[in-house]
Amino acid sequence: MNIIYYKYIKASMKALGIKEAFLFVIKRITLEVLTLIYLDNAATSFPKPDIVYEAIMDAMREYGANPGRSGHKLALKAGRAIYETRELLAAFFNIEDPMRIIFTPNATDGLNLGIKGLLKPGDHVITTSMEHNSVLRPLKALEKIGVKTTIVQCDEEGSVDTRDIEEAINQNTKLILTTHASNVTGTIFPIKAIGDIAKKHKLVYMVDAAQTAGVYPIDVANMNIDILAFPGHKSLLGPQGTGGIYIREGIEIGNIKEGGTGSKSDSLIQPEIYPDKLESGTPNMPGIVGLGAGLKYIVDRGIEDIREHERKLTKIFIDGLKEIKDVKIYGPCDVDKQAPVVSINIGEEDSSEVSYILDQVFDIAVRPGLHCAPLAHKTIGCYEQGCVRFSIGPFNTVKDIETALEAVNSISREI
């Protein structure tokens, strides 16, 4: 392939000049990439809507100044663009005050902020065996200072029994923390019911919406969600390096960093006002603008339309997999109970080997192994083998799914 591109470069330089030749080659490479079937949207969505690329480039070219730090026109425009995204997120999640949304580089940072800023020695937290390491590792780290954790065991489909959560509550319990949907099986958790339990016992409820924000409706008021962590780069269709956390008014979160905020610069003490209290340093303005553009796309297209599209493709995929020899499907196998995440194994084949074949032979991008959620793999019974995860996005097609099924069938016949 390098020889082919070298020939393109040599010929195009002669005919077009260096700049035009460069653009020509980039277009060729892009076309090559776009022939690949991308089914790794649970890691990050790809491609993004055109509106996202355009918004980021416009922000960089037209007003790429430091928001909230200076009083000139460009800085003010950058600050307004960030606030517009806050407002879009607030409306999307039914958050009353946009200033209670803290921008972070990803959901992991948001979860760390919420967990470590809330819990103190002696506190007790309840979580589940289907959580991502972005939940479990911070909790394990806090055990060293005396925070106690109860991990409620889920069933083999990755589902949790809310009665087990309620029974785990004790006099020191401060927080219930669960995923909204598993990144391994797609299993959807009953967050409204869990939120009701938390409210009944006057506990804080934190939700990890990494796999659902942007494609499943989330109403923090109706669902009694006190803290919501979300990535910008997955189903919200923003760029990598974006995410956030919503913290309900009345909940005190301690700082895990301090620094410049552009406000109260005369003080050596971190401001107490939100979001400045928890947002030190120059924000990722172009990324946040791109996240806002992703939200606009979702709202214009309709979250119901996106969800139904992904639901349809997920059903076609699950139904097709059930017909293929030696394929083990994990999770509920029911589109009413799971997000568009489907994990499988083919016989006893190593999941990384299967993924490599899908990539190199069939041009299908998936994720193998342990998906940063070791307890989830133990729960569903594939800790040693890992699993091959297919995750569907809004720009996948029926043809993509049919091709993926043909590929899995071909691999199955060869083992």
Foldseek 3Di string as FASTA:
>chain_A
DVVVLVVLLVVCCVVPNNVVSVVVSVVVVVVVLVVFAEQALLVFDPDFPPLLVVLLVCLVPPQVDFALADDDPSNPVLVVLLVLLLVLVCVQQVNPDSLLKEKFLFLLVQLLQVVVQADAAQAEEEEELLDFCSNVVSQVVCVVRHYHYDYAYDALQREGDLVSVLVPDDPRYAEYEYEQAHSANQFGYPQLVNLVSCVVVVHAYEYEDAQPVQQDRHHCVNSNHQKYWYGLRHNLRFNRRITIMGHHPPRGTAEPDAADQSPPVVDPDQDPGGPSNHHHDGGPSSRSSSSSSSSVVCVVVDSNNFQVQLLVLLLVLLVLQVPAPQKDWHHDSHSVGGAQKIWIDRHQDAQVVLQVCCCPPVSYHWDWAAPSNQSSCVNNPCNPRTTTMGGDGSPDDSVSSVSVSVSVNVVNVVD
